[in-house]
Amino acid sequence: MIETGLVYMKNSNIDWEFVETLTGTGEGGTFLWPDNQASARDIQISFKIDWLQKVSPKYLVEIGTHRAHFCYLCKFTIPSIKIVTLDIADRQENVTKVNTYFKTEDICFK
């Protein structure tokens, strides 16, 4: 495990090894929580997956790309989703990694 405090959800198909390659500075990230808050993180991720499956959007606009964790989670949950993600910092590298991982160009960084 890397030193960021990323804790692994048990019984998950999420590719944690790949998620750890999505870098950034500062706090935050869909999967990045302190070790002592792992259960809260798991509940939030489960809620997001359930919500995405229920709503099943074709398109999504994300404000705040950061590590592109949410882009990964959306593509993991709904492979056909198209995403436009915005950030004040250049996060293209992480978006490119997620697109490459899923063999798609459905995520557009602006």
N, C-alpha and C. Protein backbone atom coordinates (compact mmCIF):
# COMPACT_ATOMS: atom_id res chain seq x y z
N MET A 1 0.85 -1.18 0.00
CA MET A 1 0.00 0.00 0.00
C MET A 1 0.89 1.24 0.00
N ILE A 2 0.48 2.26 -0.73
CA ILE A 2 1.26 3.49 -0.78
C ILE A 2 1.04 4.31 0.49
N GLU A 3 1.84 5.32 0.69
CA GLU A 3 1.83 6.08 1.93
C GLU A 3 0.75 7.15 1.99
N THR A 4 -0.21 7.12 1.09
CA THR A 4 -1.23 8.16 1.06
C THR A 4 -2.38 7.91 2.00
N GLY A 5 -2.42 6.75 2.63
CA GLY A 5 -3.54 6.44 3.50
C GLY A 5 -4.66 5.73 2.76
N LEU A 6 -4.43 5.33 1.52
CA LEU A 6 -5.44 4.60 0.75
C LEU A 6 -5.67 3.25 1.41
N VAL A 7 -6.90 2.98 1.74
CA VAL A 7 -7.26 1.73 2.40
C VAL A 7 -8.10 0.92 1.41
N TYR A 8 -7.89 -0.37 1.39
CA TYR A 8 -8.56 -1.22 0.42
C TYR A 8 -9.94 -1.65 0.89
N MET A 9 -10.93 -1.49 0.02
CA MET A 9 -12.27 -2.00 0.30
C MET A 9 -12.22 -3.51 0.13
N LYS A 10 -12.77 -4.23 1.06
CA LYS A 10 -12.81 -5.69 0.96
C LYS A 10 -13.85 -6.10 -0.08
N ASN A 11 -13.59 -7.21 -0.74
CA ASN A 11 -14.53 -7.80 -1.70
C ASN A 11 -14.92 -6.81 -2.80
N SER A 12 -13.97 -6.13 -3.36
CA SER A 12 -14.24 -5.15 -4.40
C SER A 12 -13.49 -5.51 -5.67
N ASN A 13 -14.11 -5.23 -6.80
CA ASN A 13 -13.45 -5.44 -8.09
C ASN A 13 -12.69 -4.21 -8.55
N ILE A 14 -12.67 -3.18 -7.72
CA ILE A 14 -11.92 -1.97 -8.06
C ILE A 14 -10.45 -2.33 -8.18
N ASP A 15 -9.81 -1.85 -9.22
CA ASP A 15 -8.39 -2.12 -9.45
C ASP A 15 -7.56 -1.14 -8.63
N TRP A 16 -7.32 -1.49 -7.37
CA TRP A 16 -6.62 -0.59 -6.45
C TRP A 16 -5.21 -0.30 -6.91
N GLU A 17 -4.56 -1.25 -7.53
CA GLU A 17 -3.20 -1.02 -8.02
C GLU A 17 -3.20 0.09 -9.06
N PHE A 18 -4.18 0.08 -9.96
CA PHE A 18 -4.30 1.15 -10.94
C PHE A 18 -4.66 2.48 -10.27
N VAL A 19 -5.63 2.46 -9.37
CA VAL A 19 -6.07 3.69 -8.69
C VAL A 19 -4.87 4.38 -8.04
N GLU A 20 -3.95 3.61 -7.48
CA GLU A 20 -2.77 4.19 -6.83
C GLU A 20 -1.86 4.93 -7.81
N THR A 21 -1.99 4.66 -9.11
CA THR A 21 -1.15 5.36 -10.09
C THR A 21 -1.68 6.75 -10.41
N LEU A 22 -2.90 7.06 -9.99
CA LEU A 22 -3.51 8.36 -10.25
C LEU A 22 -3.04 9.33 -9.16
N THR A 23 -2.12 10.18 -9.52
CA THR A 23 -1.44 11.02 -8.54
C THR A 23 -2.04 12.41 -8.46
N GLY A 24 -1.69 13.11 -7.41
CA GLY A 24 -2.13 14.48 -7.22
C GLY A 24 -1.53 15.01 -5.93
N THR A 25 -1.76 16.27 -5.71
CA THR A 25 -1.26 16.89 -4.49
C THR A 25 -2.43 17.34 -3.64
N GLY A 26 -2.19 17.48 -2.38
CA GLY A 26 -3.23 17.96 -1.50
C GLY A 26 -4.15 16.84 -1.05
N GLU A 27 -5.18 17.23 -0.35
CA GLU A 27 -6.09 16.25 0.21
C GLU A 27 -7.15 15.87 -0.81
N GLY A 28 -7.89 14.86 -0.47
CA GLY A 28 -9.07 14.51 -1.24
C GLY A 28 -8.85 13.44 -2.28
N GLY A 29 -9.94 13.02 -2.83
CA GLY A 29 -9.96 11.96 -3.80
C GLY A 29 -11.03 10.96 -3.39
N THR A 30 -11.77 10.47 -4.34
CA THR A 30 -12.86 9.54 -4.07
C THR A 30 -12.41 8.35 -3.22
N PHE A 31 -11.22 7.84 -3.49
CA PHE A 31 -10.73 6.65 -2.79
C PHE A 31 -9.74 6.97 -1.68
N LEU A 32 -9.39 8.22 -1.52
CA LEU A 32 -8.33 8.60 -0.60
C LEU A 32 -8.90 9.12 0.71
N TRP A 33 -8.86 8.29 1.72
CA TRP A 33 -9.39 8.64 3.04
C TRP A 33 -8.37 8.22 4.09
N PRO A 34 -8.38 8.86 5.23
CA PRO A 34 -7.50 8.39 6.32
C PRO A 34 -7.89 6.98 6.74
N ASP A 35 -6.90 6.23 7.20
CA ASP A 35 -7.14 4.84 7.61
C ASP A 35 -8.27 4.70 8.63
N ASN A 36 -8.37 5.67 9.53
CA ASN A 36 -9.39 5.55 10.59
C ASN A 36 -10.80 5.89 10.10
N GLN A 37 -10.95 6.23 8.82
CA GLN A 37 -12.27 6.53 8.26
C GLN A 37 -12.65 5.58 7.12
N ALA A 38 -12.03 4.41 7.12
CA ALA A 38 -12.25 3.46 6.03
C ALA A 38 -13.72 3.06 5.89
N SER A 39 -14.42 2.87 6.98
CA SER A 39 -15.81 2.45 6.87
C SER A 39 -16.67 3.55 6.27
N ALA A 40 -16.40 4.81 6.62
CA ALA A 40 -17.13 5.93 6.03
C ALA A 40 -16.84 6.03 4.54
N ARG A 41 -15.58 5.82 4.17
CA ARG A 41 -15.20 5.85 2.75
C ARG A 41 -15.93 4.76 1.99
N ASP A 42 -15.97 3.56 2.53
CA ASP A 42 -16.63 2.44 1.86
C ASP A 42 -18.12 2.70 1.67
N ILE A 43 -18.75 3.31 2.67
CA ILE A 43 -20.17 3.65 2.57
C ILE A 43 -20.38 4.68 1.46
N GLN A 44 -19.51 5.69 1.41
CA GLN A 44 -19.66 6.72 0.38
C GLN A 44 -19.45 6.15 -1.02
N ILE A 45 -18.45 5.31 -1.19
CA ILE A 45 -18.20 4.70 -2.50
C ILE A 45 -19.37 3.81 -2.90
N SER A 46 -19.86 3.02 -1.97
CA SER A 46 -21.02 2.17 -2.26
C SER A 46 -22.23 3.01 -2.66
N PHE A 47 -22.44 4.13 -1.94
CA PHE A 47 -23.55 5.02 -2.29
C PHE A 47 -23.39 5.56 -3.71
N LYS A 48 -22.17 6.00 -4.06
CA LYS A 48 -21.94 6.54 -5.41
C LYS A 48 -22.17 5.48 -6.48
N ILE A 49 -21.71 4.27 -6.25
CA ILE A 49 -21.92 3.19 -7.21
C ILE A 49 -23.42 2.90 -7.35
N ASP A 50 -24.12 2.79 -6.23
CA ASP A 50 -25.57 2.55 -6.26
C ASP A 50 -26.31 3.66 -7.00
N TRP A 51 -25.93 4.91 -6.71
CA TRP A 51 -26.57 6.06 -7.35
C TRP A 51 -26.31 6.04 -8.86
N LEU A 52 -25.07 5.81 -9.25
CA LEU A 52 -24.74 5.76 -10.68
C LEU A 52 -25.53 4.65 -11.39
N GLN A 53 -25.63 3.48 -10.77
CA GLN A 53 -26.38 2.38 -11.36
C GLN A 53 -27.86 2.71 -11.46
N LYS A 54 -28.41 3.37 -10.46
CA LYS A 54 -29.84 3.72 -10.47
C LYS A 54 -30.14 4.77 -11.52
N VAL A 55 -29.35 5.83 -11.55
CA VAL A 55 -29.59 6.94 -12.48
C VAL A 55 -29.13 6.58 -13.90
N SER A 56 -28.05 5.83 -13.98
CA SER A 56 -27.47 5.37 -15.25
C SER A 56 -27.34 6.49 -16.29
N PRO A 57 -26.61 7.55 -15.93
CA PRO A 57 -26.48 8.67 -16.87
C PRO A 57 -25.64 8.29 -18.10
N LYS A 58 -25.98 8.92 -19.22
CA LYS A 58 -25.17 8.74 -20.44
C LYS A 58 -24.01 9.70 -20.45
N TYR A 59 -24.22 10.87 -19.83
CA TYR A 59 -23.22 11.93 -19.80
C TYR A 59 -23.08 12.44 -18.37
N LEU A 60 -21.88 12.93 -18.05
CA LEU A 60 -21.63 13.48 -16.73
C LEU A 60 -20.62 14.62 -16.86
N VAL A 61 -20.88 15.72 -16.16
CA VAL A 61 -19.93 16.82 -16.06
C VAL A 61 -19.40 16.81 -14.63
N GLU A 62 -18.09 16.73 -14.51
CA GLU A 62 -17.46 16.73 -13.20
C GLU A 62 -16.66 18.02 -13.04
N ILE A 63 -16.83 18.68 -11.92
CA ILE A 63 -16.06 19.89 -11.64
C ILE A 63 -15.08 19.55 -10.53
N GLY A 64 -13.80 19.55 -10.88
CA GLY A 64 -12.75 19.19 -9.94
C GLY A 64 -12.21 17.80 -10.22
N THR A 65 -11.37 17.68 -11.21
CA THR A 65 -10.83 16.38 -11.65
C THR A 65 -9.92 15.76 -10.60
N HIS A 66 -9.02 16.55 -10.06
CA HIS A 66 -8.01 16.15 -9.10
C HIS A 66 -7.29 14.88 -9.56
N ARG A 67 -7.46 13.77 -8.90
CA ARG A 67 -6.76 12.53 -9.25
C ARG A 67 -7.49 11.69 -10.28
N ALA A 68 -8.66 12.11 -10.71
CA ALA A 68 -9.52 11.39 -11.67
C ALA A 68 -10.09 10.11 -11.06
N HIS A 69 -10.17 10.05 -9.74
CA HIS A 69 -10.76 8.89 -9.08
C HIS A 69 -12.25 8.74 -9.44
N PHE A 70 -12.97 9.87 -9.45
CA PHE A 70 -14.39 9.78 -9.77
C PHE A 70 -14.60 9.38 -11.23
N CYS A 71 -13.74 9.85 -12.11
CA CYS A 71 -13.80 9.41 -13.52
C CYS A 71 -13.65 7.90 -13.59
N TYR A 72 -12.67 7.38 -12.85
CA TYR A 72 -12.47 5.93 -12.81
C TYR A 72 -13.71 5.23 -12.29
N LEU A 73 -14.26 5.72 -11.17
CA LEU A 73 -15.42 5.08 -10.56
C LEU A 73 -16.61 5.08 -11.52
N CYS A 74 -16.82 6.18 -12.23
CA CYS A 74 -17.93 6.27 -13.19
C CYS A 74 -17.75 5.26 -14.32
N LYS A 75 -16.56 5.20 -14.91
CA LYS A 75 -16.32 4.25 -16.00
C LYS A 75 -16.36 2.81 -15.50
N PHE A 76 -15.90 2.57 -14.28
CA PHE A 76 -15.95 1.25 -13.67
C PHE A 76 -17.40 0.80 -13.51
N THR A 77 -18.27 1.74 -13.13
CA THR A 77 -19.67 1.45 -12.85
C THR A 77 -20.52 1.42 -14.12
N ILE A 78 -20.30 2.38 -15.01
CA ILE A 78 -21.07 2.50 -16.26
C ILE A 78 -20.08 2.65 -17.42
N PRO A 79 -19.64 1.55 -18.01
CA PRO A 79 -18.61 1.62 -19.06
C PRO A 79 -18.95 2.52 -20.24
N SER A 80 -20.22 2.73 -20.53
CA SER A 80 -20.60 3.53 -21.71
C SER A 80 -20.70 5.03 -21.42
N ILE A 81 -20.53 5.45 -20.16
CA ILE A 81 -20.70 6.87 -19.81
C ILE A 81 -19.64 7.74 -20.49
N LYS A 82 -20.07 8.95 -20.85
CA LYS A 82 -19.16 9.95 -21.41
C LYS A 82 -19.04 11.06 -20.37
N ILE A 83 -17.80 11.49 -20.12
CA ILE A 83 -17.54 12.43 -19.04
C ILE A 83 -16.76 13.63 -19.56
N VAL A 84 -17.19 14.81 -19.16
CA VAL A 84 -16.40 16.03 -19.32
C VAL A 84 -15.99 16.42 -17.91
N THR A 85 -14.69 16.54 -17.68
CA THR A 85 -14.19 16.87 -16.35
C THR A 85 -13.37 18.15 -16.42
N LEU A 86 -13.58 19.02 -15.45
CA LEU A 86 -12.96 20.34 -15.43
C LEU A 86 -12.12 20.52 -14.18
N ASP A 87 -11.01 21.24 -14.32
CA ASP A 87 -10.18 21.55 -13.16
C ASP A 87 -9.36 22.79 -13.47
N ILE A 88 -9.01 23.56 -12.45
CA ILE A 88 -8.18 24.74 -12.67
C ILE A 88 -6.72 24.35 -12.88
N ALA A 89 -6.34 23.17 -12.45
CA ALA A 89 -4.98 22.66 -12.65
C ALA A 89 -4.98 21.66 -13.80
N ASP A 90 -3.82 21.43 -14.38
CA ASP A 90 -3.71 20.49 -15.49
C ASP A 90 -3.74 19.06 -14.95
N ARG A 91 -4.83 18.40 -15.13
CA ARG A 91 -5.01 17.01 -14.68
C ARG A 91 -5.12 16.04 -15.86
N GLN A 92 -4.70 16.50 -17.04
CA GLN A 92 -4.81 15.69 -18.25
C GLN A 92 -4.13 14.33 -18.10
N GLU A 93 -3.00 14.27 -17.42
CA GLU A 93 -2.26 13.01 -17.30
C GLU A 93 -3.11 11.92 -16.65
N ASN A 94 -3.80 12.25 -15.57
CA ASN A 94 -4.64 11.27 -14.89
C ASN A 94 -5.83 10.86 -15.76
N VAL A 95 -6.43 11.82 -16.46
CA VAL A 95 -7.55 11.52 -17.35
C VAL A 95 -7.08 10.59 -18.47
N THR A 96 -5.92 10.86 -19.02
CA THR A 96 -5.37 10.00 -20.08
C THR A 96 -5.14 8.58 -19.54
N LYS A 97 -4.64 8.47 -18.32
CA LYS A 97 -4.43 7.15 -17.71
C LYS A 97 -5.75 6.38 -17.61
N VAL A 98 -6.81 7.07 -17.17
CA VAL A 98 -8.11 6.40 -17.03
C VAL A 98 -8.65 6.01 -18.40
N ASN A 99 -8.56 6.90 -19.38
CA ASN A 99 -9.00 6.56 -20.74
C ASN A 99 -8.23 5.35 -21.27
N THR A 100 -6.93 5.33 -21.07
CA THR A 100 -6.10 4.22 -21.54
C THR A 100 -6.49 2.94 -20.83
N TYR A 101 -6.69 3.01 -19.54
CA TYR A 101 -7.06 1.84 -18.75
C TYR A 101 -8.34 1.20 -19.29
N PHE A 102 -9.34 2.03 -19.60
CA PHE A 102 -10.62 1.52 -20.08
C PHE A 102 -10.67 1.41 -21.60
N LYS A 103 -9.54 1.69 -22.27
CA LYS A 103 -9.45 1.60 -23.74
C LYS A 103 -10.56 2.42 -24.40
N THR A 104 -10.59 3.70 -24.02
CA THR A 104 -11.64 4.60 -24.51
C THR A 104 -11.08 6.02 -24.59
N GLU A 105 -11.84 6.88 -25.18
CA GLU A 105 -11.56 8.33 -25.15
C GLU A 105 -12.81 9.07 -24.70
N ASP A 106 -13.61 8.40 -23.88
CA ASP A 106 -14.90 8.95 -23.45
C ASP A 106 -14.79 10.00 -22.35
N ILE A 107 -13.59 10.18 -21.79
CA ILE A 107 -13.41 11.19 -20.75
C ILE A 107 -12.62 12.35 -21.36
N CYS A 108 -13.20 13.53 -21.31
CA CYS A 108 -12.60 14.71 -21.92
C CYS A 108 -12.23 15.69 -20.80
N PHE A 109 -10.96 16.04 -20.74
CA PHE A 109 -10.52 17.02 -19.75
C PHE A 109 -10.53 18.40 -20.38
N LYS A 110 -11.08 19.38 -19.67
CA LYS A 110 -11.11 20.77 -20.13
C LYS A 110 -10.45 21.66 -19.12
